[in-house]
Amino acid sequence: MNRFRLLTGTLLTSAILAGCGVPSTVSSIGSTPSVSKNDFRGNGTSRREIVVKLTPGIGAMSLGIKAKRVIPSINTMVVEVPEGKTPEQVMAELKKTGRVVYVDYVNQVILEEAAVDPMMKDQYALTNTKATTAWNTTKGDARTIIAVIDTGADLNHPDLKDKIVSSYNVFTKTSAVSDAHGHGTHCAGIAAAALNGVGIAGIAPNAGLMPVQVLSAGGGGSDATIAEGIVWAADHGAKVMTMSLGLYKRSKVIEEALQYALDKDIALVASAGNNNALNDPEKAPHLPSTYPGVIEVAATDNQDKKASFSNYGDTIAVAAPGVDILSTVPGNYKKMSGTSMASPAAAGVVALIRSRYPNLKQAEVKQHLQKTAMDLGTPGFDQYFGHGLVDAAAAVK
């Protein structure tokens, strides 16, 4: 199998209150509602409650359900999810009866308190991409899930642990993801570290995260392991994928997996590579980034100049910060450089777009990202910056 390598350059050392608002018209007739963070999953949906609106004339008991709380004026109730079942299973069972107007999730609500994570002053990428301005419009949506196809992630990191929607390890075929390398954790933090008063903040701090471990602790993997991870993420709710890895040749299995994900309307983002070399889909391919439809990302420094290592070419879509980027690593924070860092930054902006404009298809998202980018270098499109530096504020305006 062809081996992949991580697209990272040098490694440099360097309370939000949760609650579910309930109108005063609700009559409490059951146990305490979902209010703590542990009651909710990484995508903001309750683990143990759903909302049900019954067809007029239909009683809850006739469907074998018991209301925990009711809102009589709109004939709606909150129903407990039985032990051993998921909300999705119960919702599907109720829909099949044909006796419900709708069933839906109980969703987490947070107070809109301003939070400033202590290390944000060292995150120039947030300023250069205008992410903090974009947050006045949206910080992302927990249901906009970013899959990080990489070495895994530290699922217990304080900036990530409440963001994880699901995870997958292609080697063990389980959700038991770890990250002995640190690369995947770093990329996850750039894209969507929580704005929680701790550490750093990601570009899309309220987006969901899906770590998919396709590379080993040494950073090695194959086109087959990457393809498997892409397909798994595509089948399990990812809206955006970031892939900071590269293969300098064609691969049928990886190309088929990429097309599978594109056909499922997933926005694919990938790093351009770190050889300061020309990428060309035919003469000098670099997968996944040069595959048609993928958002290929070049890297810039803190002065919005081309990173010395960044690959270039006609397939570059946009550029994003990739030099001395502070982010999460297992149990800590570090700076890393590479187009590996630029890809999750762009993916964070893509997640903001998909949260703000959920009806846009993946091809339209790519066009919107390019259209709203800040032009750099030669006026108009060029091989080094593509359509320009990602502009989160313009993208969600």
Protein backbone atom coordinates (compact mmCIF):
# COMPACT_ATOMS: atom_id res chain seq x y z
CA MET A 1 0.00 0.00 0.00
CA ASN A 2 1.10 3.59 -0.57
CA ARG A 3 2.19 5.37 2.59
CA PHE A 4 0.86 8.73 3.60
CA ARG A 5 2.77 11.30 5.59
CA LEU A 6 1.54 14.15 7.72
CA LEU A 7 1.84 17.57 6.15
CA THR A 8 3.45 19.26 9.10
CA GLY A 9 6.60 21.30 9.17
CA THR A 10 8.64 22.01 12.29
CA LEU A 11 7.23 21.49 15.78
CA LEU A 12 7.76 24.59 17.95
CA THR A 13 7.23 24.69 21.71
CA SER A 14 6.23 27.74 22.70
CA ALA A 15 -17.96 29.10 32.12
CA ILE A 16 -20.16 28.74 29.72
CA LEU A 17 -23.31 27.84 31.68
CA ALA A 18 -25.37 25.12 30.02
CA GLY A 19 -29.12 24.89 30.33
CA CYS A 20 -32.28 24.04 28.52
CA GLY A 21 -34.71 26.92 28.67
CA VAL A 22 -38.29 25.90 29.50
CA PRO A 23 -41.27 28.24 29.14
CA SER A 24 -43.29 29.04 32.27
CA THR A 25 -46.31 27.26 30.79
CA VAL A 26 -44.65 23.86 31.18
CA SER A 27 -46.07 21.55 33.82
CA SER A 28 -43.42 19.38 35.42
CA ILE A 29 -44.78 15.89 35.86
CA GLY A 30 -41.62 13.84 35.74
CA SER A 31 -37.95 13.78 36.62
CA THR A 32 -35.49 16.63 36.29
CA PRO A 33 -35.03 17.80 32.69
CA SER A 34 -31.73 17.58 30.84
CA VAL A 35 -29.65 20.49 32.09
CA SER A 36 -26.09 19.38 32.75
CA LYS A 37 -23.43 19.07 30.07
CA ASN A 38 -23.30 15.30 30.65
CA ASP A 39 -26.94 15.05 29.59
CA PHE A 40 -26.02 16.18 26.09
CA ARG A 41 -23.96 14.69 23.31
CA GLY A 42 -21.20 16.46 21.44
CA ASN A 43 -23.67 17.71 18.81
CA GLY A 44 -25.82 19.39 21.48
CA THR A 45 -28.68 16.86 21.48
CA SER A 46 -30.01 15.27 24.68
CA ARG A 47 -28.97 11.70 25.42
CA ARG A 48 -32.18 10.98 27.35
CA GLU A 49 -35.08 13.14 26.11
CA ILE A 50 -36.98 13.86 22.91
CA VAL A 51 -39.84 16.21 22.02
CA VAL A 52 -43.10 14.75 20.67
CA LYS A 53 -46.19 16.43 19.25
CA LEU A 54 -49.06 13.94 18.93
CA THR A 55 -51.77 14.00 16.29
CA PRO A 56 -54.94 15.57 17.78
CA GLY A 57 -57.06 12.95 19.54
CA ILE A 58 -54.15 10.59 20.13
CA GLY A 59 -53.14 9.96 23.73
CA ALA A 60 -49.62 9.30 24.91
CA MET A 61 -50.61 6.11 26.69
CA SER A 62 -51.95 4.62 23.44
CA LEU A 63 -48.42 4.80 22.07
CA GLY A 64 -46.85 3.38 25.19
CA ILE A 65 -45.06 6.58 26.11
CA LYS A 66 -45.23 8.74 29.20
CA ALA A 67 -44.72 12.49 29.17
CA LYS A 68 -42.15 13.88 31.58
CA ARG A 69 -43.30 17.42 30.92
CA VAL A 70 -46.00 18.96 28.75
CA ILE A 71 -46.65 22.31 27.09
CA PRO A 72 -50.45 22.13 26.82
CA SER A 73 -50.96 25.21 24.65
CA ILE A 74 -49.07 23.63 21.76
CA ASN A 75 -49.94 19.99 22.58
CA THR A 76 -46.27 19.07 22.93
CA MET A 77 -44.49 16.87 25.43
CA VAL A 78 -41.02 15.78 26.46
CA VAL A 79 -40.54 12.01 26.54
CA GLU A 80 -37.84 10.01 28.31
CA VAL A 81 -35.61 7.83 26.11
CA PRO A 82 -35.76 4.32 27.61
CA GLU A 83 -32.57 2.79 28.96
CA GLY A 84 -30.70 0.91 26.24
CA LYS A 85 -32.18 2.93 23.37
CA THR A 86 -30.96 5.98 21.52
CA PRO A 87 -33.05 9.07 20.78
CA GLU A 88 -32.88 8.16 17.10
CA GLN A 89 -34.36 4.71 17.70
CA VAL A 90 -37.29 6.06 19.72
CA MET A 91 -37.96 8.83 17.21
CA ALA A 92 -37.99 6.32 14.35
CA GLU A 93 -40.41 4.04 16.22
CA LEU A 94 -42.83 6.90 16.91
CA LYS A 95 -42.70 8.14 13.31
CA LYS A 96 -43.69 4.67 12.09
CA THR A 97 -46.94 4.81 14.07
CA GLY A 98 -48.27 7.61 11.87
CA ARG A 99 -49.76 9.20 14.99
CA VAL A 100 -47.31 12.02 15.56
CA VAL A 101 -47.14 15.46 13.99
CA TYR A 102 -43.41 15.50 14.64
CA VAL A 103 -40.67 14.16 16.87
CA ASP A 104 -37.48 16.06 17.47
CA TYR A 105 -34.38 16.29 19.65
CA VAL A 106 -34.15 18.18 22.90
CA ASN A 107 -31.28 20.56 22.21
CA GLN A 108 -28.80 22.18 24.55
CA VAL A 109 -29.06 25.95 25.02
CA ILE A 110 -26.19 28.06 26.37
CA LEU A 111 -26.12 31.56 27.77
CA GLU A 112 -24.60 34.03 25.31
CA GLU A 113 -21.85 35.12 27.65
CA ALA A 114 -18.65 36.48 26.13
CA ALA A 115 -15.72 34.17 26.72
CA VAL A 116 -12.06 34.91 26.11
CA ASP A 117 -9.73 31.94 26.21
CA PRO A 118 -6.40 32.90 27.81
CA MET A 119 -4.21 31.85 24.86
CA MET A 120 -6.22 33.65 22.18
CA LYS A 121 -3.74 36.54 22.28
CA ASP A 122 -1.20 34.13 20.77
CA GLN A 123 -3.54 32.99 17.98
CA TYR A 124 -2.90 35.42 15.15
CA ALA A 125 -4.91 33.17 12.83
CA LEU A 126 -8.14 34.22 14.58
CA THR A 127 -7.39 37.84 13.74
CA ASN A 128 -6.02 37.33 10.22
CA THR A 129 -9.00 35.22 9.16
CA LYS A 130 -11.43 37.61 10.93
CA ALA A 131 -12.88 34.67 12.84
CA THR A 132 -13.61 36.69 15.99
CA THR A 133 -15.66 39.13 13.91
CA ALA A 134 -17.53 36.24 12.30
CA TRP A 135 -18.52 35.03 15.79
CA ASN A 136 -20.84 38.02 16.08
CA THR A 137 -22.91 36.23 13.45
CA THR A 138 -22.20 32.57 14.18
CA LYS A 139 -19.72 30.49 16.13
CA GLY A 140 -20.87 27.41 14.26
CA ASP A 141 -23.53 24.84 14.99
CA ALA A 142 -22.97 21.62 16.93
CA ARG A 143 -24.75 19.72 14.15
CA THR A 144 -22.20 20.98 11.66
CA ILE A 145 -19.71 18.21 12.28
CA ILE A 146 -16.08 18.50 11.22
CA ALA A 147 -14.40 15.14 10.65
CA VAL A 148 -10.66 15.28 11.29
CA ILE A 149 -9.12 12.48 9.20
CA ASP A 150 -5.80 12.10 10.97
CA THR A 151 -3.90 10.44 13.84
CA GLY A 152 -6.88 10.57 16.19
CA ALA A 153 -7.36 13.07 19.01
CA ASP A 154 -7.07 13.47 22.76
CA LEU A 155 -10.72 12.92 23.67
CA ASN A 156 -10.12 14.19 27.22
CA HIS A 157 -8.47 17.47 26.30
CA PRO A 158 -10.32 20.32 28.09
CA ASP A 159 -10.68 22.25 24.82
CA LEU A 160 -12.06 19.24 22.91
CA LYS A 161 -13.82 16.82 25.24
CA ASP A 162 -17.22 18.53 25.09
CA LYS A 163 -17.02 18.88 21.29
CA ILE A 164 -16.77 15.22 20.32
CA VAL A 165 -19.86 13.92 18.54
CA SER A 166 -18.43 10.54 17.58
CA SER A 167 -15.07 8.95 16.79
CA TYR A 168 -13.67 5.99 14.87
CA ASN A 169 -10.41 4.06 14.74
CA VAL A 170 -9.96 2.24 11.42
CA PHE A 171 -7.33 -0.06 12.94
CA THR A 172 -9.49 -1.37 15.79
CA LYS A 173 -12.91 -0.78 14.15
CA THR A 174 -14.07 0.87 17.37
CA SER A 175 -14.68 4.35 18.74
CA ALA A 176 -11.55 4.01 20.90
CA VAL A 177 -9.50 6.84 19.42
CA SER A 178 -6.22 8.04 20.90
CA ASP A 179 -3.42 10.27 19.60
CA ALA A 180 0.11 9.30 20.54
CA HIS A 181 1.45 11.48 17.72
CA GLY A 182 -0.38 14.73 18.51
CA HIS A 183 -1.00 15.86 14.94
CA GLY A 184 -4.71 15.05 14.88
CA THR A 185 -5.32 16.76 18.22
CA HIS A 186 -3.57 19.88 16.91
CA CYS A 187 -5.70 19.96 13.77
CA ALA A 188 -8.91 19.39 15.75
CA GLY A 189 -8.16 22.35 18.00
CA ILE A 190 -7.47 24.69 15.09
CA ALA A 191 -10.81 23.84 13.53
CA ALA A 192 -13.10 23.82 16.55
CA ALA A 193 -11.56 24.08 20.02
CA ALA A 194 -14.22 25.28 22.45
CA LEU A 195 -14.57 28.94 23.42
CA ASN A 196 -14.78 28.01 27.08
CA GLY A 197 -12.39 30.22 29.00
CA VAL A 198 -9.66 27.59 28.77
CA GLY A 199 -6.63 27.45 26.50
CA ILE A 200 -7.29 28.36 22.87
CA ALA A 201 -10.31 28.79 20.60
CA GLY A 202 -10.97 27.15 17.25
CA ILE A 203 -12.15 28.95 14.13
CA ALA A 204 -15.61 27.38 14.56
CA PRO A 205 -15.78 26.94 18.36
CA ASN A 206 -19.37 25.66 18.47
CA ALA A 207 -19.05 23.11 15.64
CA GLY A 208 -19.02 19.40 16.42
CA LEU A 209 -15.88 17.30 16.09
CA MET A 210 -15.46 13.78 14.71
CA PRO A 211 -11.91 12.44 15.11
CA VAL A 212 -11.22 9.59 12.70
CA GLN A 213 -7.95 7.78 13.34
CA VAL A 214 -6.46 6.63 10.04
CA LEU A 215 -2.75 7.09 10.78
CA SER A 216 -0.51 5.42 13.34
CA ALA A 217 1.38 6.97 16.23
CA GLY A 218 4.34 7.39 13.88
CA GLY A 219 2.20 9.25 11.36
CA GLY A 220 2.14 6.37 8.89
CA GLY A 221 -0.82 4.97 7.04
CA SER A 222 -1.96 3.91 3.61
CA ASP A 223 -4.37 5.03 0.95
CA ALA A 224 -6.64 2.19 2.07
CA THR A 225 -6.78 3.33 5.71
CA ILE A 226 -7.45 6.91 4.66
CA ALA A 227 -10.17 5.79 2.23
CA GLU A 228 -11.84 3.74 4.96
CA GLY A 229 -11.85 6.71 7.31
CA ILE A 230 -13.30 9.06 4.71
CA VAL A 231 -16.12 6.64 3.92
CA TRP A 232 -16.88 6.05 7.61
CA ALA A 233 -17.10 9.78 8.30
CA ALA A 234 -19.28 10.28 5.22
CA ASP A 235 -21.66 7.61 6.49
CA HIS A 236 -21.83 8.96 10.04
CA GLY A 237 -22.88 12.58 9.75
CA ALA A 238 -19.81 14.62 8.81
CA LYS A 239 -20.63 17.91 7.05
CA VAL A 240 -17.00 18.98 6.62
CA MET A 241 -13.78 16.96 6.45
CA THR A 242 -10.26 18.22 6.96
CA MET A 243 -7.40 16.04 5.73
CA SER A 244 -3.86 17.16 6.57
CA LEU A 245 -1.97 14.41 4.82
CA GLY A 246 -0.65 13.73 1.36
CA LEU A 247 0.15 11.13 -1.29
CA TYR A 248 2.21 12.30 -4.26
CA LYS A 249 0.64 9.91 -6.77
CA ARG A 250 -2.75 8.80 -8.03
CA SER A 251 -4.74 6.24 -6.03
CA LYS A 252 -7.96 4.66 -7.18
CA VAL A 253 -9.15 3.76 -3.68
CA ILE A 254 -8.62 7.24 -2.25
CA GLU A 255 -10.18 8.91 -5.28
CA GLU A 256 -13.22 6.66 -5.07
CA ALA A 257 -13.61 7.46 -1.36
CA LEU A 258 -13.32 11.20 -2.02
CA GLN A 259 -15.96 11.03 -4.73
CA TYR A 260 -18.21 9.01 -2.42
CA ALA A 261 -17.99 11.78 0.19
CA LEU A 262 -18.57 14.55 -2.37
CA ASP A 263 -21.63 12.71 -3.66
CA LYS A 264 -22.98 12.71 -0.09
CA ASP A 265 -22.67 16.53 -0.06
CA ILE A 266 -19.68 16.73 2.28
CA ALA A 267 -17.32 19.69 1.94
CA LEU A 268 -13.79 18.28 1.66
CA VAL A 269 -10.78 20.37 2.72
CA ALA A 270 -7.15 19.24 2.34
CA SER A 271 -3.64 20.56 2.81
CA ALA A 272 -1.59 21.39 -0.29
CA GLY A 273 1.73 19.93 0.91
CA ASN A 274 5.00 21.22 2.30
CA ASN A 275 7.60 20.81 -0.47
CA ASN A 276 7.35 24.33 -1.97
CA ALA A 277 6.49 22.44 -5.16
CA LEU A 278 3.98 22.72 -7.98
CA ASN A 279 0.88 20.56 -7.62
CA ASP A 280 -0.80 19.37 -10.80
CA PRO A 281 -3.64 16.82 -10.82
CA GLU A 282 -2.14 15.00 -13.82
CA LYS A 283 1.61 15.67 -13.91
CA ALA A 284 2.25 16.16 -10.19
CA PRO A 285 -0.79 14.93 -8.24
CA HIS A 286 -1.14 15.37 -4.51
CA LEU A 287 -4.01 13.50 -2.92
CA PRO A 288 -6.44 14.28 -1.45
CA SER A 289 -5.91 17.97 -2.26
CA THR A 290 -5.74 17.98 -6.08
CA TYR A 291 -8.80 15.79 -6.55
CA PRO A 292 -11.60 17.73 -8.33
CA GLY A 293 -14.07 19.21 -5.83
CA VAL A 294 -11.67 19.21 -2.87
CA ILE A 295 -10.82 22.58 -1.31
CA GLU A 296 -7.02 22.65 -1.54
CA VAL A 297 -5.43 24.98 1.03
CA ALA A 298 -2.05 26.71 0.85
CA ALA A 299 -0.35 28.17 3.93
CA THR A 300 0.45 31.75 4.92
CA ASP A 301 2.42 33.31 7.78
CA ASN A 302 1.42 35.99 10.28
CA GLN A 303 2.10 38.71 7.68
CA ASP A 304 -0.22 37.03 5.14
CA LYS A 305 2.80 36.06 3.04
CA LYS A 306 3.23 32.67 1.40
CA ALA A 307 4.70 30.14 3.82
CA SER A 308 8.11 29.16 2.48
CA PHE A 309 7.22 25.46 2.49
CA SER A 310 3.72 25.69 0.97
CA ASN A 311 3.00 23.91 -2.30
CA TYR A 312 1.24 25.87 -5.03
CA GLY A 313 -0.56 25.41 -8.33
CA ASP A 314 -3.74 25.97 -10.29
CA THR A 315 -5.72 23.70 -7.97
CA ILE A 316 -5.16 25.89 -4.89
CA ALA A 317 -8.58 27.14 -3.77
CA VAL A 318 -7.65 29.39 -0.84
CA ALA A 319 -4.92 30.07 1.67
CA ALA A 320 -5.02 30.00 5.48
CA PRO A 321 -2.55 30.58 8.33
CA GLY A 322 -0.05 27.74 8.70
CA VAL A 323 3.11 29.09 10.37
CA ASP A 324 3.65 28.93 14.14
CA ILE A 325 0.04 27.97 14.85
CA LEU A 326 -0.80 27.45 18.51
CA SER A 327 -3.25 24.64 19.14
CA THR A 328 -4.08 21.64 21.27
CA VAL A 329 -1.88 18.57 21.65
CA PRO A 330 -2.50 15.67 24.03
CA GLY A 331 -2.64 17.16 27.51
CA ASN A 332 -1.16 20.48 26.45
CA TYR A 333 -0.76 23.20 23.79
CA LYS A 334 2.03 23.73 21.23
CA LYS A 335 2.87 25.60 18.06
CA MET A 336 3.23 23.71 14.79
CA SER A 337 3.79 24.78 11.20
CA GLY A 338 2.61 23.29 7.92
CA THR A 339 -0.19 23.23 5.43
CA SER A 340 -1.50 20.69 7.93
CA MET A 341 -2.44 23.67 10.08
CA ALA A 342 -3.90 25.68 7.18
CA SER A 343 -6.39 22.95 6.21
CA PRO A 344 -8.29 22.80 9.54
CA ALA A 345 -8.32 26.60 9.70
CA ALA A 346 -10.06 26.71 6.32
CA ALA A 347 -12.30 23.82 7.41
CA GLY A 348 -13.37 25.89 10.41
CA VAL A 349 -14.46 28.69 8.08
CA VAL A 350 -16.29 26.14 5.93
CA ALA A 351 -18.10 24.93 9.07
CA LEU A 352 -19.15 28.51 9.83
CA ILE A 353 -20.52 28.81 6.29
CA ARG A 354 -22.42 25.53 6.54
CA SER A 355 -23.84 26.62 9.91
CA ARG A 356 -24.89 30.03 8.59
CA TYR A 357 -26.18 28.78 5.23
CA PRO A 358 -27.20 25.14 5.75
CA ASN A 359 -28.94 24.88 2.38
CA LEU A 360 -25.77 25.45 0.37
CA LYS A 361 -24.46 22.32 -1.35
CA GLN A 362 -20.80 21.41 -1.00
CA ALA A 363 -19.88 22.83 -4.41
CA GLU A 364 -21.67 26.08 -3.54
CA VAL A 365 -19.84 26.21 -0.21
CA LYS A 366 -16.51 26.00 -2.04
CA GLN A 367 -17.56 28.77 -4.43
CA HIS A 368 -18.72 30.95 -1.52
CA LEU A 369 -15.47 30.40 0.38
CA GLN A 370 -13.48 31.44 -2.68
CA LYS A 371 -15.70 34.41 -3.51
CA THR A 372 -15.40 35.87 -0.01
CA ALA A 373 -11.64 35.29 0.41
CA MET A 374 -9.27 38.27 0.81
CA ASP A 375 -7.19 38.64 -2.34
CA LEU A 376 -3.44 38.25 -1.81
CA GLY A 377 -0.48 38.37 -4.17
CA THR A 378 -1.22 38.98 -7.84
CA PRO A 379 -4.68 40.55 -8.25
CA GLY A 380 -7.27 37.84 -8.79
CA PHE A 381 -6.55 34.13 -8.72
CA ASP A 382 -2.92 33.03 -8.51
CA GLN A 383 -1.04 29.79 -7.89
CA TYR A 384 0.25 30.72 -4.43
CA PHE A 385 -2.89 31.90 -2.64
CA GLY A 386 -5.66 30.64 -4.94
CA HIS A 387 -8.59 33.04 -4.51
CA GLY A 388 -7.01 34.51 -1.37
CA LEU A 389 -6.89 34.22 2.41
CA VAL A 390 -10.06 32.81 3.98
CA ASP A 391 -12.23 35.57 5.45
CA ALA A 392 -14.63 34.18 8.04
CA ALA A 393 -16.43 37.48 8.60
CA ALA A 394 -17.18 38.00 4.90
CA ALA A 395 -18.14 34.35 4.52
CA VAL A 396 -20.95 34.52 7.09
CA LYS A 397 -22.10 38.12 6.49
